[in-house]
């Protein structure tokens, strides 16, 4: 009987195990470089009710914001009827909008297609980009917005995150104006009408 066979068998088994471990280690090291890129979630703005801002407290600004969204809650409110709620100070006419990754403009979580404004009133637009990619926001004649011609128009140039603000006073020359994002490919689903009341 040959006594060297068990020793050779044990050595061959050990050699196979070491080779398998080395193969696994090489494969793991080769895959240590990820084939994907981590993309953080876009920042989210707190709901208006959580922000503690006057616009969320039932003040005239909240009514003007609700009126701007066309929500049913605003239809019978003093702000929607053109009473002092709408004609207050410029600080009271705040319009908060969100531009999203689904290429929508939202107000209070709902798509916005029309914003009522009163001639002679000053409005502060607060535009929040939660998409994580570029948006802009402008007010102007539909033909200029569609063409992306924003020179001299009120609004916010391209930005990719956070909130941008601008102030605008409605007047008779803004009859028929629209609002929207003019980044190429966005305007088709990201626009609406400024409904001007003289």
Protein backbone atom coordinates (compact mmCIF):
# COMPACT_ATOMS: atom_id res chain seq x y z
CA UNK A 1 0.00 0.00 0.00
CA UNK A 2 1.31 3.41 -0.94
CA UNK A 3 1.31 5.87 2.01
CA UNK A 4 2.18 8.85 -0.18
CA UNK A 5 -1.31 8.95 -1.81
CA UNK A 6 -3.20 10.50 1.15
CA UNK A 7 -0.50 13.16 1.49
CA UNK A 8 -0.62 13.95 -2.22
CA UNK A 9 -4.41 14.06 -2.09
CA UNK A 10 -4.34 16.49 0.87
CA UNK A 11 -1.80 18.71 -0.88
CA UNK A 12 -3.83 18.70 -4.12
CA UNK A 13 -7.01 19.60 -2.18
CA UNK A 14 -5.20 22.45 -0.42
CA UNK A 15 -3.76 23.70 -3.72
CA UNK A 16 -7.23 23.67 -5.34
CA UNK A 17 -8.71 25.55 -2.36
CA UNK A 18 -5.97 28.20 -2.52
CA UNK A 19 -6.44 28.60 -6.28
CA UNK A 20 -10.22 28.98 -5.83
CA UNK A 21 -9.73 31.59 -3.10
CA UNK A 22 -7.28 33.52 -5.28
CA UNK A 23 -9.72 33.44 -8.20
CA UNK A 24 -12.52 34.78 -5.99
CA UNK A 25 -10.24 37.51 -4.60
CA UNK A 26 -9.21 38.61 -8.10
CA UNK A 27 -12.86 38.65 -9.24
CA UNK A 28 -13.87 40.71 -6.21
CA UNK A 29 -11.02 43.16 -6.72
CA UNK A 30 -11.95 43.58 -10.37
CA UNK A 31 -15.53 44.38 -9.46
CA UNK A 32 -14.57 46.82 -6.69
CA UNK A 33 -14.98 49.65 -9.20
CA UNK A 34 -18.75 50.24 -9.35
CA UNK A 35 -20.45 50.21 -12.71
CA UNK A 36 -23.01 52.77 -11.51
CA UNK A 37 -22.88 56.26 -10.14
CA UNK A 38 -24.51 57.34 -6.91
CA UNK A 39 -27.01 60.14 -7.50
CA UNK A 40 -28.34 61.77 -4.34
CA UNK A 41 -32.03 62.40 -4.05
CA UNK A 42 -33.09 65.91 -5.03
CA UNK A 43 -33.68 68.27 -2.12
CA UNK A 44 -37.25 68.56 -1.05
CA UNK A 45 -38.85 71.66 0.30
CA UNK A 46 -40.98 71.31 3.40
CA UNK A 47 -44.73 71.61 2.90
CA UNK A 48 -46.03 75.16 3.21
CA UNK A 49 -47.83 74.26 6.43
CA UNK A 50 -44.55 73.14 7.99
CA UNK A 51 -42.51 76.13 6.91
CA UNK A 52 -44.08 78.52 9.37
CA UNK A 53 -44.31 81.13 6.64
CA UNK A 54 -47.18 83.62 6.71
CA UNK A 55 -48.33 82.29 3.35
CA UNK A 56 -49.40 79.03 4.97
CA UNK A 57 -51.23 80.47 7.97
CA UNK A 58 -54.54 81.41 6.40
CA UNK A 59 -53.44 85.00 5.84
CA UNK A 60 -54.33 86.97 2.72
CA UNK A 61 -51.10 85.70 1.16
CA UNK A 62 -52.27 82.11 1.57
CA UNK A 63 -55.59 83.02 0.02
CA UNK A 64 -53.83 84.72 -2.90
CA UNK A 65 -51.64 81.66 -3.34
CA UNK A 66 -54.66 79.39 -3.23
CA UNK A 67 -56.47 81.67 -5.66
CA UNK A 68 -53.48 81.48 -7.99
CA UNK A 69 -53.71 77.70 -8.02
CA UNK A 70 -57.39 77.76 -8.92
CA UNK A 71 -58.19 75.51 -5.98
CA UNK A 72 -61.85 75.15 -4.94
CA UNK A 73 -61.01 76.44 -1.48
CA UNK A 74 -60.12 79.80 -3.02
CA UNK A 75 -63.22 80.24 -5.16
CA UNK A 76 -65.29 81.87 -2.44
CA UNK A 77 -62.50 83.53 -0.56
CA UNK A 78 -62.07 87.31 -0.39
CA UNK A 79 -58.72 87.04 -2.16
CA UNK A 80 -60.30 85.37 -5.18
CA UNK A 81 -62.95 88.07 -5.46
CA UNK A 82 -60.46 90.96 -5.68
CA UNK A 83 -60.95 92.28 -2.15
CA UNK A 84 -58.11 93.61 0.03
CA UNK A 85 -56.69 90.07 0.26
CA UNK A 86 -55.38 90.42 -3.28
CA UNK A 87 -54.69 94.15 -3.25
CA UNK A 88 -52.54 94.14 -0.11
CA UNK A 89 -48.86 94.92 0.06
CA UNK A 90 -46.42 93.29 -2.37
CA UNK A 91 -45.27 91.00 0.44
CA UNK A 92 -48.81 89.62 0.62
CA UNK A 93 -48.85 88.58 -3.07
CA UNK A 94 -46.47 85.63 -2.90
CA UNK A 95 -46.80 82.88 -5.50
CA UNK A 96 -44.89 79.72 -4.57
CA UNK A 97 -44.30 77.23 -7.37
CA UNK A 98 -42.31 74.00 -7.69
CA UNK A 99 -40.64 72.74 -10.86
CA UNK A 100 -40.32 68.96 -10.78
CA UNK A 101 -38.36 66.13 -12.38
CA UNK A 102 -41.57 65.00 -14.11
CA UNK A 103 -41.54 68.31 -16.05
CA UNK A 104 -44.47 69.87 -14.22
CA UNK A 105 -45.06 73.14 -12.41
CA UNK A 106 -46.87 72.52 -9.13
CA UNK A 107 -48.48 74.70 -6.50
CA UNK A 108 -49.36 73.04 -3.21
CA UNK A 109 -48.63 69.69 -4.87
CA UNK A 110 -51.07 70.22 -7.75
CA UNK A 111 -50.29 71.04 -11.41
CA UNK A 112 -50.79 74.72 -12.23
CA UNK A 113 -52.24 75.76 -15.59
CA UNK A 114 -53.42 79.29 -14.73
CA UNK A 115 -52.36 81.99 -12.28
CA UNK A 116 -54.78 84.88 -11.72
CA UNK A 117 -53.12 88.30 -11.38
CA UNK A 118 -54.56 91.80 -11.01
CA UNK A 119 -53.23 94.72 -13.05
CA UNK A 120 -51.31 97.15 -10.87
CA UNK A 121 -50.47 94.52 -8.24
CA UNK A 122 -46.91 93.45 -7.44
CA UNK A 123 -46.23 89.73 -7.06
CA UNK A 124 -43.27 87.88 -5.60
CA UNK A 125 -42.66 84.55 -7.33
CA UNK A 126 -40.76 81.92 -5.35
CA UNK A 127 -39.69 79.17 -7.75
CA UNK A 128 -38.29 75.97 -6.23
CA UNK A 129 -36.48 73.45 -8.43
CA UNK A 130 -36.76 69.94 -6.96
CA UNK A 131 -35.81 68.15 -10.20
CA UNK A 132 -32.07 67.92 -9.65
CA UNK A 133 -31.51 69.20 -13.19
CA UNK A 134 -31.88 72.54 -14.96
CA UNK A 135 -35.12 74.53 -15.08
CA UNK A 136 -35.84 78.22 -15.54
CA UNK A 137 -39.05 80.22 -15.15
CA UNK A 138 -40.24 83.22 -17.14
CA UNK A 139 -43.35 85.31 -17.70
CA UNK A 140 -44.06 86.64 -21.18
CA UNK A 141 -45.88 86.45 -24.49
CA UNK A 142 -46.44 82.84 -25.61
CA UNK A 143 -44.52 83.26 -28.88
CA UNK A 144 -41.38 84.46 -27.04
CA UNK A 145 -41.59 81.74 -24.37
CA UNK A 146 -42.16 79.02 -26.97
CA UNK A 147 -39.11 80.24 -28.90
CA UNK A 148 -37.05 80.47 -25.70
CA UNK A 149 -36.53 84.19 -26.23
CA UNK A 150 -36.33 85.46 -22.65
CA UNK A 151 -34.29 88.67 -23.03
CA UNK A 152 -36.01 91.44 -21.09
CA UNK A 153 -38.70 89.13 -19.66
CA UNK A 154 -39.30 88.85 -15.90
CA UNK A 155 -38.22 85.55 -14.42
CA UNK A 156 -35.44 83.31 -13.21
CA UNK A 157 -32.55 82.09 -15.41
CA UNK A 158 -31.50 78.43 -15.48
CA UNK A 159 -30.81 76.89 -12.06
CA UNK A 160 -30.62 73.26 -10.95
CA UNK A 161 -31.61 73.30 -7.27
CA UNK A 162 -33.01 75.45 -4.51
CA UNK A 163 -35.39 78.40 -4.62
CA UNK A 164 -35.08 81.52 -6.76
CA UNK A 165 -37.22 84.64 -6.28
CA UNK A 166 -38.25 87.57 -8.44
CA UNK A 167 -40.80 90.37 -8.16
CA UNK A 168 -43.08 91.50 -10.97
CA UNK A 169 -45.86 94.08 -11.28
CA UNK A 170 -48.76 93.12 -13.54
CA UNK A 171 -49.94 95.73 -16.02
CA UNK A 172 -52.14 95.97 -19.11
CA UNK A 173 -49.23 95.07 -21.40
CA UNK A 174 -49.16 91.58 -19.87
CA UNK A 175 -52.56 90.66 -21.31
CA UNK A 176 -52.37 87.20 -22.85
CA UNK A 177 -49.05 86.39 -21.18
CA UNK A 178 -48.05 82.94 -20.05
CA UNK A 179 -45.58 81.49 -17.58
CA UNK A 180 -43.27 78.53 -18.10
CA UNK A 181 -39.90 76.83 -18.19
CA UNK A 182 -38.11 77.57 -21.46
CA UNK A 183 -35.34 74.96 -21.13
CA UNK A 184 -35.43 73.05 -24.44
CA UNK A 185 -38.01 70.27 -24.31
CA UNK A 186 -39.68 71.53 -21.12
CA UNK A 187 -42.16 74.20 -22.24
CA UNK A 188 -44.66 71.79 -23.78
CA UNK A 189 -45.63 70.40 -20.36
CA UNK A 190 -44.35 73.23 -18.15
CA UNK A 191 -46.44 76.29 -18.97
CA UNK A 192 -49.74 77.98 -18.21
CA UNK A 193 -51.66 81.22 -18.52
CA UNK A 194 -51.46 84.42 -16.52
CA UNK A 195 -55.11 85.33 -16.11
CA UNK A 196 -55.02 89.13 -15.91
CA UNK A 197 -57.85 91.08 -14.31
CA UNK A 198 -57.79 94.82 -15.18
